[in-house]
C-alpha cells in the first residue's frame, strides 16, 4: 500500500528517525519543523496521515491540529500525536482538537507503521 505522510517535529533527530522508520515500509514522508512550517508544507499536499509533536516553537501541536482541522480538505485526515507527553489531560485536549491517536516517544518503528496503516488504511 502506497502511503503519503506529513511528519511535524521541531527535532531534526526525531524527523530523521520518523523518516527512517517509515521509508522502508514504502511510505512517502514529508517533513516540517513546527506547526507553521507544517501548514506551509500541507498546502498542496494530500497526505494519507499526519504525525505531529505537541511541544514545538512558533505553533505547537494543538495549534497545528486546530489549523489542519480548519481546512476543509484535511478535516478527515488522520492525525497521530507523537510526543514525550503522557498526561491524560493532554491526550484529551488533543482528541478534542481532532487528533486520531497518541503515541509516546520513544517509539517502536514497527508500531508506528502499524498505527499509520490502521488509521489511514
PDB file of N, CA and C in Angstrom:
ATOM      1  N   UNK A   1       0.845  -1.179   0.000  1.00  0.00           N
ATOM      2  CA  UNK A   1       0.000   0.000   0.000  1.00  0.00           C
ATOM      3  C   UNK A   1       0.884   1.233   0.000  1.00  0.00           C
ATOM      4  N   UNK A   2       0.672   2.101  -0.951  1.00  0.00           N
ATOM      5  CA  UNK A   2       1.424   3.350  -1.038  1.00  0.00           C
ATOM      6  C   UNK A   2       0.751   4.388  -0.146  1.00  0.00           C
ATOM      7  N   UNK A   3       1.553   5.034   0.694  1.00  0.00           N
ATOM      8  CA  UNK A   3       1.015   5.999   1.639  1.00  0.00           C
ATOM      9  C   UNK A   3       1.908   7.230   1.674  1.00  0.00           C
ATOM     10  N   UNK A   4       1.277   8.388   1.875  1.00  0.00           N
ATOM     11  CA  UNK A   4       1.987   9.652   1.990  1.00  0.00           C
ATOM     12  C   UNK A   4       1.702  10.233   3.371  1.00  0.00           C
ATOM     13  N   UNK A   5       2.781  10.595   4.105  1.00  0.00           N
ATOM     14  CA  UNK A   5       2.644  11.089   5.471  1.00  0.00           C
ATOM     15  C   UNK A   5       3.397  12.406   5.633  1.00  0.00           C
ATOM     16  N   UNK A   6       2.799  13.337   6.371  1.00  0.00           N
ATOM     17  CA  UNK A   6       3.474  14.563   6.787  1.00  0.00           C
ATOM     18  C   UNK A   6       3.856  14.380   8.251  1.00  0.00           C
ATOM     19  N   UNK A   7       5.145  14.541   8.568  1.00  0.00           N
ATOM     20  CA  UNK A   7       5.634  14.442   9.952  1.00  0.00           C
ATOM     21  C   UNK A   7       6.126  15.815  10.392  1.00  0.00           C
ATOM     22  N   UNK A   8       5.580  16.306  11.517  1.00  0.00           N
ATOM     23  CA  UNK A   8       5.896  17.635  12.023  1.00  0.00           C
ATOM     24  C   UNK A   8       6.530  17.491  13.407  1.00  0.00           C
ATOM     25  N   UNK A   9       7.796  17.877  13.512  1.00  0.00           N
ATOM     26  CA  UNK A   9       8.515  17.794  14.789  1.00  0.00           C
ATOM     27  C   UNK A   9       9.668  18.788  14.751  1.00  0.00           C
ATOM     28  N   UNK A  10       9.895  19.498  15.874  1.00  0.00           N
ATOM     29  CA  UNK A  10      10.955  20.504  15.893  1.00  0.00           C
ATOM     30  C   UNK A  10      12.344  19.884  16.041  1.00  0.00           C
ATOM     31  N   UNK A  11      12.439  18.602  16.355  1.00  0.00           N
ATOM     32  CA  UNK A  11      13.727  17.934  16.492  1.00  0.00           C
ATOM     33  C   UNK A  11      14.137  17.296  15.163  1.00  0.00           C
ATOM     34  N   UNK A  12      15.274  17.751  14.626  1.00  0.00           N
ATOM     35  CA  UNK A  12      15.782  17.167  13.381  1.00  0.00           C
ATOM     36  C   UNK A  12      16.030  15.677  13.565  1.00  0.00           C
ATOM     37  N   UNK A  13      16.559  15.294  14.726  1.00  0.00           N
ATOM     38  CA  UNK A  13      16.820  13.879  15.010  1.00  0.00           C
ATOM     39  C   UNK A  13      15.534  13.072  14.955  1.00  0.00           C
ATOM     40  N   UNK A  14      14.484  13.594  15.559  1.00  0.00           N
ATOM     41  CA  UNK A  14      13.205  12.874  15.558  1.00  0.00           C
ATOM     42  C   UNK A  14      12.625  12.805  14.146  1.00  0.00           C
ATOM     43  N   UNK A  15      12.728  13.893  13.379  1.00  0.00           N
ATOM     44  CA  UNK A  15      12.239  13.849  11.991  1.00  0.00           C
ATOM     45  C   UNK A  15      12.988  12.774  11.208  1.00  0.00           C
ATOM     46  N   UNK A  16      14.306  12.701  11.409  1.00  0.00           N
ATOM     47  CA  UNK A  16      15.104  11.678  10.723  1.00  0.00           C
ATOM     48  C   UNK A  16      14.691  10.275  11.164  1.00  0.00           C
ATOM     49  N   UNK A  17      14.428  10.102  12.461  1.00  0.00           N
ATOM     50  CA  UNK A  17      14.010   8.785  12.967  1.00  0.00           C
ATOM     51  C   UNK A  17      12.663   8.371  12.382  1.00  0.00           C
ATOM     52  N   UNK A  18      11.754   9.324  12.282  1.00  0.00           N
ATOM     53  CA  UNK A  18      10.438   9.028  11.697  1.00  0.00           C
ATOM     54  C   UNK A  18      10.601   8.624  10.234  1.00  0.00           C
ATOM     55  N   UNK A  19      11.396   9.413   9.498  1.00  0.00           N
ATOM     56  CA  UNK A  19      11.622   9.105   8.079  1.00  0.00           C
ATOM     57  C   UNK A  19      12.256   7.724   7.920  1.00  0.00           C
ATOM     58  N   UNK A  20      13.266   7.415   8.743  1.00  0.00           N
ATOM     59  CA  UNK A  20      13.940   6.109   8.647  1.00  0.00           C
ATOM     60  C   UNK A  20      13.018   4.961   9.043  1.00  0.00           C
ATOM     61  N   UNK A  21      12.051   5.226   9.904  1.00  0.00           N
ATOM     62  CA  UNK A  21      11.098   4.189  10.306  1.00  0.00           C
ATOM     63  C   UNK A  21      10.070   3.918   9.216  1.00  0.00           C
ATOM     64  N   UNK A  22       9.670   4.961   8.498  1.00  0.00           N
ATOM     65  CA  UNK A  22       8.562   4.836   7.551  1.00  0.00           C
ATOM     66  C   UNK A  22       8.989   4.489   6.122  1.00  0.00           C
ATOM     67  N   UNK A  23      10.119   5.004   5.678  1.00  0.00           N
ATOM     68  CA  UNK A  23      10.519   4.794   4.281  1.00  0.00           C
ATOM     69  C   UNK A  23      10.682   3.319   3.906  1.00  0.00           C
ATOM     70  N   UNK A  24      11.282   2.462   4.760  1.00  0.00           N
ATOM     71  CA  UNK A  24      11.391   1.048   4.386  1.00  0.00           C
ATOM     72  C   UNK A  24      10.037   0.371   4.182  1.00  0.00           C
ATOM     73  N   UNK A  25       8.991   0.943   4.776  1.00  0.00           N
ATOM     74  CA  UNK A  25       7.639   0.390   4.603  1.00  0.00           C
ATOM     75  C   UNK A  25       6.979   0.942   3.337  1.00  0.00           C
ATOM     76  N   UNK A  26       7.736   1.712   2.550  1.00  0.00           N
ATOM     77  CA  UNK A  26       7.199   2.265   1.308  1.00  0.00           C
ATOM     78  C   UNK A  26       6.360   3.510   1.508  1.00  0.00           C
ATOM     79  N   UNK A  27       6.510   4.146   2.662  1.00  0.00           N
ATOM     80  CA  UNK A  27       5.729   5.343   2.961  1.00  0.00           C
ATOM     81  C   UNK A  27       6.514   6.579   2.536  1.00  0.00           C
ATOM     82  N   UNK A  28       5.870   7.424   1.752  1.00  0.00           N
ATOM     83  CA  UNK A  28       6.465   8.683   1.300  1.00  0.00           C
ATOM     84  C   UNK A  28       6.344   9.677   2.453  1.00  0.00           C
ATOM     85  N   UNK A  29       7.473  10.227   2.897  1.00  0.00           N
ATOM     86  CA  UNK A  29       7.493  11.082   4.086  1.00  0.00           C
ATOM     87  C   UNK A  29       7.838  12.521   3.714  1.00  0.00           C
ATOM     88  N   UNK A  30       6.989  13.444   4.144  1.00  0.00           N
ATOM     89  CA  UNK A  30       7.241  14.881   4.005  1.00  0.00           C
ATOM     90  C   UNK A  30       7.460  15.420   5.409  1.00  0.00           C
ATOM     91  N   UNK A  31       8.434  16.318   5.568  1.00  0.00           N
ATOM     92  CA  UNK A  31       8.823  16.776   6.897  1.00  0.00           C
ATOM     93  C   UNK A  31       8.605  18.265   7.087  1.00  0.00           C
ATOM     94  N   UNK A  32       8.292  18.646   8.335  1.00  0.00           N
ATOM     95  CA  UNK A  32       8.165  20.058   8.707  1.00  0.00           C
ATOM     96  C   UNK A  32       8.709  20.220  10.119  1.00  0.00           C
ATOM     97  N   UNK A  33       9.285  21.399  10.391  1.00  0.00           N
ATOM     98  CA  UNK A  33       9.982  21.606  11.672  1.00  0.00           C
ATOM     99  C   UNK A  33       9.138  22.211  12.786  1.00  0.00           C
ATOM    100  N   UNK A  34       7.933  22.657  12.479  1.00  0.00           N
ATOM    101  CA  UNK A  34       6.999  23.134  13.505  1.00  0.00           C
ATOM    102  C   UNK A  34       5.629  23.291  12.856  1.00  0.00           C
ATOM    103  N   UNK A  35       4.643  23.713  13.652  1.00  0.00           N
ATOM    104  CA  UNK A  35       3.288  23.819  13.129  1.00  0.00           C
ATOM    105  C   UNK A  35       3.133  24.793  11.981  1.00  0.00           C
ATOM    106  N   UNK A  36       3.813  25.936  12.075  1.00  0.00           N
ATOM    107  CA  UNK A  36       3.735  26.935  10.999  1.00  0.00           C
ATOM    108  C   UNK A  36       4.276  26.341   9.701  1.00  0.00           C
ATOM    109  N   UNK A  37       5.442  25.705   9.788  1.00  0.00           N
ATOM    110  CA  UNK A  37       6.037  25.075   8.613  1.00  0.00           C
ATOM    111  C   UNK A  37       5.155  23.921   8.125  1.00  0.00           C
ATOM    112  N   UNK A  38       4.547  23.205   9.071  1.00  0.00           N
ATOM    113  CA  UNK A  38       3.659  22.102   8.714  1.00  0.00           C
ATOM    114  C   UNK A  38       2.485  22.552   7.867  1.00  0.00           C
ATOM    115  N   UNK A  39       1.887  23.693   8.221  1.00  0.00           N
ATOM    116  CA  UNK A  39       0.769  24.239   7.440  1.00  0.00           C
ATOM    117  C   UNK A  39       1.250  24.630   6.050  1.00  0.00           C
ATOM    118  N   UNK A  40       2.467  25.205   5.972  1.00  0.00           N
ATOM    119  CA  UNK A  40       3.030  25.571   4.663  1.00  0.00           C
ATOM    120  C   UNK A  40       3.240  24.336   3.797  1.00  0.00           C
ATOM    121  N   UNK A  41       3.820  23.277   4.372  1.00  0.00           N
ATOM    122  CA  UNK A  41       4.075  22.040   3.626  1.00  0.00           C
ATOM    123  C   UNK A  41       2.763  21.375   3.230  1.00  0.00           C
ATOM    124  N   UNK A  42       1.765  21.472   4.081  1.00  0.00           N
ATOM    125  CA  UNK A  42       0.463  20.848   3.828  1.00  0.00           C
ATOM    126  C   UNK A  42      -0.245  21.461   2.622  1.00  0.00           C
ATOM    127  N   UNK A  43       0.047  22.731   2.330  1.00  0.00           N
ATOM    128  CA  UNK A  43      -0.580  23.415   1.202  1.00  0.00           C
ATOM    129  C   UNK A  43      -0.222  22.695  -0.099  1.00  0.00           C
ATOM    130  N   UNK A  44      -1.204  22.121  -0.735  1.00  0.00           N
ATOM    131  CA  UNK A  44      -0.976  21.415  -1.994  1.00  0.00           C
ATOM    132  C   UNK A  44      -0.622  19.942  -1.807  1.00  0.00           C
ATOM    133  N   UNK A  45      -0.488  19.506  -0.564  1.00  0.00           N
ATOM    134  CA  UNK A  45      -0.160  18.111  -0.265  1.00  0.00           C
ATOM    135  C   UNK A  45      -1.430  17.417   0.223  1.00  0.00           C
ATOM    136  N   UNK A  46      -1.636  16.200  -0.213  1.00  0.00           N
ATOM    137  CA  UNK A  46      -2.790  15.436   0.259  1.00  0.00           C
ATOM    138  C   UNK A  46      -2.287  14.190   0.970  1.00  0.00           C
ATOM    139  N   UNK A  47      -1.810  14.342   2.218  1.00  0.00           N
ATOM    140  CA  UNK A  47      -1.272  13.175   2.924  1.00  0.00           C
ATOM    141  C   UNK A  47      -2.381  12.217   3.351  1.00  0.00           C
ATOM    142  N   UNK A  48      -2.009  10.950   3.466  1.00  0.00           N
ATOM    143  CA  UNK A  48      -2.942   9.943   3.965  1.00  0.00           C
ATOM    144  C   UNK A  48      -3.044  10.032   5.486  1.00  0.00           C
ATOM    145  N   UNK A  49      -1.990  10.583   6.118  1.00  0.00           N
ATOM    146  CA  UNK A  49      -1.973  10.760   7.566  1.00  0.00           C
ATOM    147  C   UNK A  49      -0.939  11.823   7.919  1.00  0.00           C
ATOM    148  N   UNK A  50      -1.079  12.363   9.135  1.00  0.00           N
ATOM    149  CA  UNK A  50      -0.161  13.372   9.653  1.00  0.00           C
ATOM    150  C   UNK A  50       0.316  12.899  11.017  1.00  0.00           C
ATOM    151  N   UNK A  51       1.607  13.102  11.268  1.00  0.00           N
ATOM    152  CA  UNK A  51       2.191  12.839  12.582  1.00  0.00           C
ATOM    153  C   UNK A  51       2.658  14.182  13.113  1.00  0.00           C
ATOM    154  N   UNK A  52       2.329  14.509  14.363  1.00  0.00           N
ATOM    155  CA  UNK A  52       2.790  15.776  14.925  1.00  0.00           C
ATOM    156  C   UNK A  52       3.221  15.625  16.376  1.00  0.00           C
ATOM    157  N   UNK A  53       4.239  16.395  16.724  1.00  0.00           N
ATOM    158  CA  UNK A  53       4.661  16.539  18.107  1.00  0.00           C
ATOM    159  C   UNK A  53       3.733  17.562  18.750  1.00  0.00           C
ATOM    160  N   UNK A  54       3.786  17.688  20.072  1.00  0.00           N
ATOM    161  CA  UNK A  54       2.998  18.702  20.777  1.00  0.00           C
ATOM    162  C   UNK A  54       3.842  19.934  21.085  1.00  0.00           C
ATOM    163  N   UNK A  55       4.991  19.725  21.705  1.00  0.00           N
ATOM    164  CA  UNK A  55       5.833  20.835  22.158  1.00  0.00           C
ATOM    165  C   UNK A  55       6.770  21.300  21.045  1.00  0.00           C
ATOM    166  N   UNK A  56       6.370  22.393  20.378  1.00  0.00           N
ATOM    167  CA  UNK A  56       7.160  22.956  19.281  1.00  0.00           C
ATOM    168  C   UNK A  56       7.089  24.478  19.354  1.00  0.00           C
ATOM    169  N   UNK A  57       8.123  25.158  18.841  1.00  0.00           N
ATOM    170  CA  UNK A  57       8.079  26.628  18.803  1.00  0.00           C
ATOM    171  C   UNK A  57       7.123  27.125  17.711  1.00  0.00           C
ATOM    172  N   UNK A  58       6.857  28.394  17.740  1.00  0.00           N
ATOM    173  CA  UNK A  58       6.007  29.112  16.779  1.00  0.00           C
ATOM    174  C   UNK A  58       4.549  28.660  16.811  1.00  0.00           C
ATOM    175  N   UNK A  59       4.285  27.382  16.570  1.00  0.00           N
ATOM    176  CA  UNK A  59       2.923  26.838  16.664  1.00  0.00           C
ATOM    177  C   UNK A  59       3.052  25.430  17.225  1.00  0.00           C
ATOM    178  N   UNK A  60       2.464  25.190  18.390  1.00  0.00           N
ATOM    179  CA  UNK A  60       2.563  23.862  18.990  1.00  0.00           C
ATOM    180  C   UNK A  60       1.621  22.878  18.284  1.00  0.00           C
ATOM    181  N   UNK A  61       1.656  21.643  18.733  1.00  0.00           N
ATOM    182  CA  UNK A  61       0.853  20.605  18.096  1.00  0.00           C
ATOM    183  C   UNK A  61      -0.639  20.840  18.178  1.00  0.00           C
ATOM    184  N   UNK A  62      -1.102  21.408  19.312  1.00  0.00           N
ATOM    185  CA  UNK A  62      -2.539  21.681  19.440  1.00  0.00           C
ATOM    186  C   UNK A  62      -2.975  22.732  18.419  1.00  0.00           C
ATOM    187  N   UNK A  63      -2.191  23.795  18.291  1.00  0.00           N
ATOM    188  CA  UNK A  63      -2.497  24.832  17.297  1.00  0.00           C
ATOM    189  C   UNK A  63      -2.441  24.281  15.886  1.00  0.00           C
ATOM    190  N   UNK A  64      -1.464  23.400  15.652  1.00  0.00           N
ATOM    191  CA  UNK A  64      -1.328  22.781  14.333  1.00  0.00           C
ATOM    192  C   UNK A  64      -2.556  21.916  14.021  1.00  0.00           C
ATOM    193  N   UNK A  65      -2.978  21.093  14.980  1.00  0.00           N
ATOM    194  CA  UNK A  65      -4.156  20.245  14.760  1.00  0.00           C
ATOM    195  C   UNK A  65      -5.379  21.117  14.463  1.00  0.00           C
ATOM    196  N   UNK A  66      -5.556  22.180  15.255  1.00  0.00           N
ATOM    197  CA  UNK A  66      -6.673  23.107  15.014  1.00  0.00           C
ATOM    198  C   UNK A  66      -6.614  23.679  13.596  1.00  0.00           C
ATOM    199  N   UNK A  67      -5.420  24.110  13.175  1.00  0.00           N
ATOM    200  CA  UNK A  67      -5.253  24.718  11.848  1.00  0.00           C
ATOM    201  C   UNK A  67      -5.540  23.709  10.739  1.00  0.00           C
ATOM    202  N   UNK A  68      -5.111  22.466  10.941  1.00  0.00           N
ATOM    203  CA  UNK A  68      -5.383  21.416   9.946  1.00  0.00           C
ATOM    204  C   UNK A  68      -6.879  21.169   9.849  1.00  0.00           C
ATOM    205  N   UNK A  69      -7.528  21.044  10.996  1.00  0.00           N
ATOM    206  CA  UNK A  69      -8.962  20.752  11.013  1.00  0.00           C
ATOM    207  C   UNK A  69      -9.803  21.913  10.475  1.00  0.00           C
ATOM    208  N   UNK A  70      -9.253  23.117  10.480  1.00  0.00           N
ATOM    209  CA  UNK A  70      -9.949  24.273   9.901  1.00  0.00           C
ATOM    210  C   UNK A  70      -9.986  24.222   8.378  1.00  0.00           C
ATOM    211  N   UNK A  71      -9.152  23.374   7.779  1.00  0.00           N
ATOM    212  CA  UNK A  71      -9.093  23.261   6.321  1.00  0.00           C
ATOM    213  C   UNK A  71     -10.018  22.124   5.869  1.00  0.00           C
ATOM    214  N   UNK A  72     -10.990  22.481   5.069  1.00  0.00           N
ATOM    215  CA  UNK A  72     -11.995  21.522   4.598  1.00  0.00           C
ATOM    216  C   UNK A  72     -11.368  20.238   4.053  1.00  0.00           C
ATOM    217  N   UNK A  73     -10.322  20.379   3.228  1.00  0.00           N
ATOM    218  CA  UNK A  73      -9.736  19.213   2.575  1.00  0.00           C
ATOM    219  C   UNK A  73      -8.961  18.300   3.530  1.00  0.00           C
ATOM    220  N   UNK A  74      -8.698  18.774   4.764  1.00  0.00           N
ATOM    221  CA  UNK A  74      -7.933  17.960   5.715  1.00  0.00           C
ATOM    222  C   UNK A  74      -8.716  17.624   6.983  1.00  0.00           C
ATOM    223  N   UNK A  75     -10.020  17.889   6.985  1.00  0.00           N
ATOM    224  CA  UNK A  75     -10.824  17.624   8.194  1.00  0.00           C
ATOM    225  C   UNK A  75     -10.824  16.154   8.586  1.00  0.00           C
ATOM    226  N   UNK A  76     -10.753  15.270   7.602  1.00  0.00           N
ATOM    227  CA  UNK A  76     -10.828  13.838   7.892  1.00  0.00           C
ATOM    228  C   UNK A  76      -9.464  13.142   7.866  1.00  0.00           C
ATOM    229  N   UNK A  77      -8.393  13.883   7.577  1.00  0.00           N
ATOM    230  CA  UNK A  77      -7.061  13.277   7.530  1.00  0.00           C
ATOM    231  C   UNK A  77      -6.668  12.811   8.938  1.00  0.00           C
ATOM    232  N   UNK A  78      -6.307  11.541   9.095  1.00  0.00           N
ATOM    233  CA  UNK A  78      -5.905  11.062  10.415  1.00  0.00           C
ATOM    234  C   UNK A  78      -4.665  11.796  10.924  1.00  0.00           C
ATOM    235  N   UNK A  79      -4.664  12.144  12.204  1.00  0.00           N
ATOM    236  CA  UNK A  79      -3.526  12.817  12.827  1.00  0.00           C
ATOM    237  C   UNK A  79      -3.097  12.014  14.046  1.00  0.00           C
ATOM    238  N   UNK A  80      -1.847  11.552  14.022  1.00  0.00           N
ATOM    239  CA  UNK A  80      -1.266  10.865  15.168  1.00  0.00           C
ATOM    240  C   UNK A  80      -0.354  11.833  15.902  1.00  0.00           C
ATOM    241  N   UNK A  81      -0.531  11.953  17.207  1.00  0.00           N
ATOM    242  CA  UNK A  81       0.358  12.758  18.032  1.00  0.00           C
ATOM    243  C   UNK A  81       1.487  11.840  18.482  1.00  0.00           C
ATOM    244  N   UNK A  82       2.736  12.260  18.238  1.00  0.00           N
ATOM    245  CA  UNK A  82       3.928  11.510  18.636  1.00  0.00           C
ATOM    246  C   UNK A  82       4.728  12.433  19.543  1.00  0.00           C
ATOM    247  N   UNK A  83       4.721  12.154  20.850  1.00  0.00           N
ATOM    248  CA  UNK A  83       5.265  13.096  21.818  1.00  0.00           C
ATOM    249  C   UNK A  83       5.829  12.385  23.044  1.00  0.00           C
ATOM    250  N   UNK A  84       6.607  13.121  23.823  1.00  0.00           N
ATOM    251  CA  UNK A  84       7.105  12.585  25.096  1.00  0.00           C
ATOM    252  C   UNK A  84       6.056  12.735  26.187  1.00  0.00           C
ATOM    253  N   UNK A  85       5.031  13.533  25.927  1.00  0.00           N
ATOM    254  CA  UNK A  85       3.978  13.789  26.913  1.00  0.00           C
ATOM    255  C   UNK A  85       3.071  12.575  27.065  1.00  0.00           C
ATOM    256  N   UNK A  86       2.615  12.325  28.310  1.00  0.00           N
ATOM    257  CA  UNK A  86       1.710  11.196  28.522  1.00  0.00           C
ATOM    258  C   UNK A  86       0.541  11.550  29.442  1.00  0.00           C
ATOM    259  N   UNK A  87       0.420  12.819  29.805  1.00  0.00           N
ATOM    260  CA  UNK A  87      -0.646  13.231  30.727  1.00  0.00           C
ATOM    261  C   UNK A  87      -2.023  13.035  30.092  1.00  0.00           C
ATOM    262  N   UNK A  88      -2.949  12.414  30.821  1.00  0.00           N
ATOM    263  CA  UNK A  88      -4.297  12.169  30.291  1.00  0.00           C
ATOM    264  C   UNK A  88      -5.006  13.447  29.826  1.00  0.00           C
ATOM    265  N   UNK A  89      -4.794  14.558  30.535  1.00  0.00           N
ATOM    266  CA  UNK A  89      -5.474  15.799  30.132  1.00  0.00           C
ATOM    267  C   UNK A  89      -4.952  16.320  28.790  1.00  0.00           C
ATOM    268  N   UNK A  90      -3.684  16.062  28.488  1.00  0.00           N
ATOM    269  CA  UNK A  90      -3.151  16.466  27.179  1.00  0.00           C
ATOM    270  C   UNK A  90      -3.714  15.566  26.080  1.00  0.00           C
ATOM    271  N   UNK A  91      -3.818  14.281  26.365  1.00  0.00           N
ATOM    272  CA  UNK A  91      -4.421  13.358  25.394  1.00  0.00           C
ATOM    273  C   UNK A  91      -5.860  13.773  25.097  1.00  0.00           C
ATOM    274  N   UNK A  92      -6.598  14.116  26.148  1.00  0.00           N
ATOM    275  CA  UNK A  92      -7.993  14.544  25.987  1.00  0.00           C
ATOM    276  C   UNK A  92      -8.048  15.822  25.147  1.00  0.00           C
ATOM    277  N   UNK A  93      -7.176  16.770  25.442  1.00  0.00           N
ATOM    278  CA  UNK A  93      -7.145  18.024  24.690  1.00  0.00           C
ATOM    279  C   UNK A  93      -6.848  17.765  23.210  1.00  0.00           C
ATOM    280  N   UNK A  94      -5.909  16.849  22.947  1.00  0.00           N
ATOM    281  CA  UNK A  94      -5.578  16.516  21.557  1.00  0.00           C
ATOM    282  C   UNK A  94      -6.765  15.858  20.856  1.00  0.00           C
ATOM    283  N   UNK A  95      -7.438  14.952  21.535  1.00  0.00           N
ATOM    284  CA  UNK A  95      -8.625  14.298  20.949  1.00  0.00           C
ATOM    285  C   UNK A  95      -9.702  15.331  20.630  1.00  0.00           C
ATOM    286  N   UNK A  96      -9.910  16.250  21.577  1.00  0.00           N
ATOM    287  CA  UNK A  96     -10.921  17.294  21.367  1.00  0.00           C
ATOM    288  C   UNK A  96     -10.558  18.195  20.194  1.00  0.00           C
ATOM    289  N   UNK A  97      -9.259  18.408  19.977  1.00  0.00           N
ATOM    290  CA  UNK A  97      -8.813  19.230  18.849  1.00  0.00           C
ATOM    291  C   UNK A  97      -8.966  18.496  17.520  1.00  0.00           C
ATOM    292  N   UNK A  98      -9.015  17.162  17.586  1.00  0.00           N
ATOM    293  CA  UNK A  98      -9.195  16.387  16.362  1.00  0.00           C
ATOM    294  C   UNK A  98      -8.128  15.350  16.089  1.00  0.00           C
ATOM    295  N   UNK A  99      -7.272  15.061  17.079  1.00  0.00           N
ATOM    296  CA  UNK A  99      -6.256  14.023  16.886  1.00  0.00           C
ATOM    297  C   UNK A  99      -6.924  12.645  16.838  1.00  0.00           C
ATOM    298  N   UNK A 100      -6.358  11.779  16.045  1.00  0.00           N
ATOM    299  CA  UNK A 100      -6.883  10.433  15.857  1.00  0.00           C
ATOM    300  C   UNK A 100      -6.277   9.455  16.856  1.00  0.00           C
ATOM    301  N   UNK A 101      -4.989   9.669  17.193  1.00  0.00           N
ATOM    302  CA  UNK A 101      -4.297   8.755  18.091  1.00  0.00           C
ATOM    303  C   UNK A 101      -3.128   9.430  18.774  1.00  0.00           C
ATOM    304  N   UNK A 102      -2.497   8.719  19.713  1.00  0.00           N
ATOM    305  CA  UNK A 102      -1.438   9.267  20.562  1.00  0.00           C
ATOM    306  C   UNK A 102      -0.382   8.192  20.766  1.00  0.00           C
ATOM    307  N   UNK A 103       0.860   8.497  20.454  1.00  0.00           N
ATOM    308  CA  UNK A 103       1.975   7.565  20.645  1.00  0.00           C
ATOM    309  C   UNK A 103       3.040   8.296  21.459  1.00  0.00           C
ATOM    310  N   UNK A 104       3.548   7.627  22.511  1.00  0.00           N
ATOM    311  CA  UNK A 104       4.555   8.248  23.360  1.00  0.00           C
ATOM    312  C   UNK A 104       5.955   7.866  22.870  1.00  0.00           C
ATOM    313  N   UNK A 105       6.838   8.886  22.780  1.00  0.00           N
ATOM    314  CA  UNK A 105       8.241   8.663  22.424  1.00  0.00           C
ATOM    315  C   UNK A 105       8.957   8.098  23.650  1.00  0.00           C
ATOM    316  N   UNK A 106       9.987   7.297  23.468  1.00  0.00           N
ATOM    317  CA  UNK A 106      10.496   6.806  22.193  1.00  0.00           C
ATOM    318  C   UNK A 106       9.506   5.800  21.587  1.00  0.00           C
ATOM    319  N   UNK A 107       9.490   5.722  20.271  1.00  0.00           N
ATOM    320  CA  UNK A 107       8.514   4.878  19.596  1.00  0.00           C
ATOM    321  C   UNK A 107       9.185   3.657  18.975  1.00  0.00           C
ATOM    322  N   UNK A 108       8.393   2.626  18.801  1.00  0.00           N
ATOM    323  CA  UNK A 108       8.820   1.419  18.102  1.00  0.00           C
ATOM    324  C   UNK A 108       8.465   1.637  16.629  1.00  0.00           C
ATOM    325  N   UNK A 109       9.456   1.614  15.732  1.00  0.00           N
ATOM    326  CA  UNK A 109       9.177   1.868  14.307  1.00  0.00           C
ATOM    327  C   UNK A 109       8.072   0.992  13.729  1.00  0.00           C
ATOM    328  N   UNK A 110       8.073  -0.290  14.057  1.00  0.00           N
ATOM    329  CA  UNK A 110       7.045  -1.193  13.515  1.00  0.00           C
ATOM    330  C   UNK A 110       5.659  -0.804  14.015  1.00  0.00           C
ATOM    331  N   UNK A 111       5.570  -0.378  15.276  1.00  0.00           N
ATOM    332  CA  UNK A 111       4.275   0.022  15.827  1.00  0.00           C
ATOM    333  C   UNK A 111       3.789   1.326  15.196  1.00  0.00           C
ATOM    334  N   UNK A 112       4.713   2.225  14.874  1.00  0.00           N
ATOM    335  CA  UNK A 112       4.325   3.475  14.205  1.00  0.00           C
ATOM    336  C   UNK A 112       3.764   3.166  12.819  1.00  0.00           C
ATOM    337  N   UNK A 113       4.445   2.312  12.076  1.00  0.00           N
ATOM    338  CA  UNK A 113       3.961   1.918  10.749  1.00  0.00           C
ATOM    339  C   UNK A 113       2.583   1.270  10.872  1.00  0.00           C
ATOM    340  N   UNK A 114       2.427   0.361  11.824  1.00  0.00           N
ATOM    341  CA  UNK A 114       1.140  -0.327  12.010  1.00  0.00           C
ATOM    342  C   UNK A 114       0.039   0.665  12.378  1.00  0.00           C
ATOM    343  N   UNK A 115       0.350   1.631  13.261  1.00  0.00           N
ATOM    344  CA  UNK A 115      -0.634   2.645  13.650  1.00  0.00           C
ATOM    345  C   UNK A 115      -1.062   3.469  12.440  1.00  0.00           C
ATOM    346  N   UNK A 116      -0.113   3.848  11.607  1.00  0.00           N
ATOM    347  CA  UNK A 116      -0.445   4.613  10.391  1.00  0.00           C
ATOM    348  C   UNK A 116      -1.320   3.791   9.457  1.00  0.00           C
ATOM    349  N   UNK A 117      -0.980   2.535   9.290  1.00  0.00           N
ATOM    350  CA  UNK A 117      -1.770   1.672   8.409  1.00  0.00           C
ATOM    351  C   UNK A 117      -3.187   1.499   8.953  1.00  0.00           C
ATOM    352  N   UNK A 118      -3.316   1.447  10.274  1.00  0.00           N
ATOM    353  CA  UNK A 118      -4.654   1.295  10.874  1.00  0.00           C
ATOM    354  C   UNK A 118      -5.498   2.547  10.676  1.00  0.00           C
ATOM    355  N   UNK A 119      -4.913   3.730  10.880  1.00  0.00           N
ATOM    356  CA  UNK A 119      -5.729   4.948  10.794  1.00  0.00           C
ATOM    357  C   UNK A 119      -5.935   5.426   9.358  1.00  0.00           C
ATOM    358  N   UNK A 120      -4.991   5.103   8.473  1.00  0.00           N
ATOM    359  CA  UNK A 120      -5.082   5.610   7.099  1.00  0.00           C
ATOM    360  C   UNK A 120      -5.471   4.526   6.098  1.00  0.00           C
ATOM    361  N   UNK A 121      -5.502   3.285   6.533  1.00  0.00           N
ATOM    362  CA  UNK A 121      -5.775   2.192   5.623  1.00  0.00           C
ATOM    363  C   UNK A 121      -7.181   1.950   5.425  1.00  0.00           C
TER     364      UNK A 121
END
